[in-house]
Amino acid sequence: TKLDGWEGGTETFDLPRKGRFFGMRNTVKIPKEFAGQAIRLRVDDKRKEFGAVIINDTGYCRSENFCTPVGVRIDKWLKPGETNTIELYGRGHRANQPLKVDAQSVTLDVYPMRK
């Protein structure tokens, strides 16, 4: 969902997508088998504007590494076996200055942890 402000938004869309955004929100079911695994959020955005993520309204992370190829670990905020909400925002953006986005994809990469 394209976010128009902190109150949310209603427009849904597919990637790739180019335009001006306040942020993006997606809900995704995380398989229960992902519990205990390292999970990285990776954003392929040609402009590299994203810099903050909120997971399930509680987990918050700022990073310069959201954009590919690195990504940022978010597994400590995810709830495997449940539907999770992931919101992406820019670095220091304001409602009156939306991001200029050229998002190609948003992926969750799973790295099995050794036991």
C-alpha atoms as a PDB file:
ATOM      1  CA  THR A   1       0.000   0.000   0.000  1.00  0.00           C
ATOM      2  CA  LYS A   2       1.247   3.469  -0.841  1.00  0.00           C
ATOM      3  CA  LEU A   3       1.260   5.612   2.311  1.00  0.00           C
ATOM      4  CA  ASP A   4       0.199   9.241   1.916  1.00  0.00           C
ATOM      5  CA  GLY A   5       1.090  10.163   5.511  1.00  0.00           C
ATOM      6  CA  TRP A   6       1.290   8.684   8.996  1.00  0.00           C
ATOM      7  CA  GLU A   7      -2.476   8.048   8.811  1.00  0.00           C
ATOM      8  CA  GLY A   8      -1.951   5.535   6.011  1.00  0.00           C
ATOM      9  CA  GLY A   9      -3.137   5.190   2.450  1.00  0.00           C
ATOM     10  CA  THR A  10      -5.489   3.195   0.270  1.00  0.00           C
ATOM     11  CA  GLU A  11      -3.735   2.761  -3.073  1.00  0.00           C
ATOM     12  CA  THR A  12      -2.309  -0.708  -3.616  1.00  0.00           C
ATOM     13  CA  PHE A  13       0.215  -1.405  -6.355  1.00  0.00           C
ATOM     14  CA  ASP A  14       2.722  -3.888  -7.725  1.00  0.00           C
ATOM     15  CA  LEU A  15       6.462  -3.421  -8.086  1.00  0.00           C
ATOM     16  CA  PRO A  16       8.316  -2.123  -9.980  1.00  0.00           C
ATOM     17  CA  ARG A  17       6.896   1.316  -9.206  1.00  0.00           C
ATOM     18  CA  LYS A  18       8.215   4.820  -9.701  1.00  0.00           C
ATOM     19  CA  GLY A  19       6.733   7.903  -8.053  1.00  0.00           C
ATOM     20  CA  ARG A  20       6.476  10.083  -4.958  1.00  0.00           C
ATOM     21  CA  PHE A  21       5.597   8.300  -1.703  1.00  0.00           C
ATOM     22  CA  PHE A  22       5.417   9.074   1.991  1.00  0.00           C
ATOM     23  CA  GLY A  23       6.132   5.368   2.589  1.00  0.00           C
ATOM     24  CA  MET A  24       5.047   1.824   1.729  1.00  0.00           C
ATOM     25  CA  ARG A  25       3.237  -0.835   3.782  1.00  0.00           C
ATOM     26  CA  ASN A  26       2.809  -4.522   3.125  1.00  0.00           C
ATOM     27  CA  THR A  27       1.370  -7.393   5.121  1.00  0.00           C
ATOM     28  CA  VAL A  28       2.987 -10.778   4.679  1.00  0.00           C
ATOM     29  CA  LYS A  29       2.526 -14.190   6.282  1.00  0.00           C
ATOM     30  CA  ILE A  30       5.867 -15.398   7.646  1.00  0.00           C
ATOM     31  CA  PRO A  31       6.054 -19.212   7.623  1.00  0.00           C
ATOM     32  CA  LYS A  32       6.467 -20.752  11.080  1.00  0.00           C
ATOM     33  CA  GLU A  33       9.489 -22.646   9.714  1.00  0.00           C
ATOM     34  CA  PHE A  34      11.360 -19.304   9.613  1.00  0.00           C
ATOM     35  CA  ALA A  35      11.459 -19.146  13.433  1.00  0.00           C
ATOM     36  CA  GLY A  36      15.043 -18.863  14.677  1.00  0.00           C
ATOM     37  CA  GLN A  37      16.412 -18.005  11.225  1.00  0.00           C
ATOM     38  CA  ALA A  38      18.224 -14.806  10.241  1.00  0.00           C
ATOM     39  CA  ILE A  39      15.896 -12.783   7.981  1.00  0.00           C
ATOM     40  CA  ARG A  40      17.037  -9.718   6.046  1.00  0.00           C
ATOM     41  CA  LEU A  41      14.821  -7.111   4.388  1.00  0.00           C
ATOM     42  CA  ARG A  42      16.265  -6.030   1.054  1.00  0.00           C
ATOM     43  CA  VAL A  43      14.930  -3.167  -1.058  1.00  0.00           C
ATOM     44  CA  ASP A  44      15.921  -2.734  -4.689  1.00  0.00           C
ATOM     45  CA  ASP A  45      15.334   1.006  -5.127  1.00  0.00           C
ATOM     46  CA  LYS A  46      17.402   2.723  -7.801  1.00  0.00           C
ATOM     47  CA  ARG A  47      17.309   6.018  -5.874  1.00  0.00           C
ATOM     48  CA  LYS A  48      18.227   4.384  -2.522  1.00  0.00           C
ATOM     49  CA  GLU A  49      15.770   6.600  -0.629  1.00  0.00           C
ATOM     50  CA  PHE A  50      14.581   4.106   1.988  1.00  0.00           C
ATOM     51  CA  GLY A  51      16.228   4.241   5.382  1.00  0.00           C
ATOM     52  CA  ALA A  52      13.701   3.275   8.073  1.00  0.00           C
ATOM     53  CA  VAL A  53      11.414   0.304   8.703  1.00  0.00           C
ATOM     54  CA  ILE A  54       8.668  -0.352  11.241  1.00  0.00           C
ATOM     55  CA  ILE A  55       7.720  -3.993  11.840  1.00  0.00           C
ATOM     56  CA  ASN A  56       4.360  -4.874  13.439  1.00  0.00           C
ATOM     57  CA  ASP A  57       4.041  -1.352  14.896  1.00  0.00           C
ATOM     58  CA  THR A  58       6.794  -2.083  17.447  1.00  0.00           C
ATOM     59  CA  GLY A  59      10.101  -2.903  15.765  1.00  0.00           C
ATOM     60  CA  TYR A  60      11.928   0.120  14.417  1.00  0.00           C
ATOM     61  CA  CYS A  61      15.219   0.226  12.578  1.00  0.00           C
ATOM     62  CA  ARG A  62      17.127   2.923  10.714  1.00  0.00           C
ATOM     63  CA  SER A  63      19.869   1.883   8.346  1.00  0.00           C
ATOM     64  CA  GLU A  64      21.733   2.919   5.235  1.00  0.00           C
ATOM     65  CA  ASN A  65      21.783  -0.753   4.182  1.00  0.00           C
ATOM     66  CA  PHE A  66      18.161  -1.386   3.193  1.00  0.00           C
ATOM     67  CA  CYS A  67      19.063  -1.180  -0.432  1.00  0.00           C
ATOM     68  CA  THR A  68      20.584  -4.124  -2.233  1.00  0.00           C
ATOM     69  CA  PRO A  69      22.774  -6.017  -1.978  1.00  0.00           C
ATOM     70  CA  VAL A  70      23.102  -5.968   1.826  1.00  0.00           C
ATOM     71  CA  GLY A  71      19.682  -5.498   3.422  1.00  0.00           C
ATOM     72  CA  VAL A  72      19.044  -5.261   7.166  1.00  0.00           C
ATOM     73  CA  ARG A  73      18.160  -7.974   9.681  1.00  0.00           C
ATOM     74  CA  ILE A  74      14.570  -7.769  10.922  1.00  0.00           C
ATOM     75  CA  ASP A  75      13.969 -11.273  12.336  1.00  0.00           C
ATOM     76  CA  LYS A  76      13.839 -10.111  15.972  1.00  0.00           C
ATOM     77  CA  TRP A  77      10.600  -8.201  15.232  1.00  0.00           C
ATOM     78  CA  LEU A  78       8.885 -10.766  13.001  1.00  0.00           C
ATOM     79  CA  LYS A  79       6.267 -13.225  14.245  1.00  0.00           C
ATOM     80  CA  PRO A  80       6.713 -16.523  12.344  1.00  0.00           C
ATOM     81  CA  GLY A  81       3.450 -18.348  11.704  1.00  0.00           C
ATOM     82  CA  GLU A  82       1.515 -15.054  11.688  1.00  0.00           C
ATOM     83  CA  THR A  83       0.702 -12.173   9.386  1.00  0.00           C
ATOM     84  CA  ASN A  84       3.259  -9.358   9.806  1.00  0.00           C
ATOM     85  CA  THR A  85       3.127  -5.692   8.780  1.00  0.00           C
ATOM     86  CA  ILE A  86       6.241  -4.121   7.258  1.00  0.00           C
ATOM     87  CA  GLU A  87       6.356  -0.358   6.659  1.00  0.00           C
ATOM     88  CA  LEU A  88       9.181   1.372   4.785  1.00  0.00           C
ATOM     89  CA  TYR A  89      10.020   5.060   5.095  1.00  0.00           C
ATOM     90  CA  GLY A  90      12.748   7.349   3.852  1.00  0.00           C
ATOM     91  CA  ARG A  91      15.642   8.937   5.707  1.00  0.00           C
ATOM     92  CA  GLY A  92      14.355  12.082   7.439  1.00  0.00           C
ATOM     93  CA  HIS A  93      11.353  12.605   5.142  1.00  0.00           C
ATOM     94  CA  ARG A  94       8.380  14.813   5.852  1.00  0.00           C
ATOM     95  CA  ALA A  95       4.773  14.593   4.761  1.00  0.00           C
ATOM     96  CA  ASN A  96       5.187  17.681   2.586  1.00  0.00           C
ATOM     97  CA  GLN A  97       8.335  16.270   0.952  1.00  0.00           C
ATOM     98  CA  PRO A  98       7.556  12.699  -0.140  1.00  0.00           C
ATOM     99  CA  LEU A  99      10.248  10.284  -1.277  1.00  0.00           C
ATOM    100  CA  LYS A 100      11.142  10.024  -4.921  1.00  0.00           C
ATOM    101  CA  VAL A 101      10.964   6.251  -5.299  1.00  0.00           C
ATOM    102  CA  ASP A 102      12.092   3.949  -8.100  1.00  0.00           C
ATOM    103  CA  ALA A 103      11.406   0.643  -6.328  1.00  0.00           C
ATOM    104  CA  GLN A 104      12.052  -2.528  -8.279  1.00  0.00           C
ATOM    105  CA  SER A 105      11.486  -5.116  -5.545  1.00  0.00           C
ATOM    106  CA  VAL A 106      11.258  -5.736  -1.809  1.00  0.00           C
ATOM    107  CA  THR A 107      12.403  -9.146  -0.605  1.00  0.00           C
ATOM    108  CA  LEU A 108      12.907 -11.083   2.601  1.00  0.00           C
ATOM    109  CA  ASP A 109      16.040 -13.234   2.498  1.00  0.00           C
ATOM    110  CA  VAL A 110      16.235 -16.165   4.924  1.00  0.00           C
ATOM    111  CA  TYR A 111      19.601 -17.422   6.166  1.00  0.00           C
ATOM    112  CA  PRO A 112      19.370 -20.705   8.113  1.00  0.00           C
ATOM    113  CA  MET A 113      21.148 -20.523  11.471  1.00  0.00           C
ATOM    114  CA  ARG A 114      23.467 -23.339  12.483  1.00  0.00           C
ATOM    115  CA  LYS A 115      22.439 -25.397  15.481  1.00  0.00           C
END
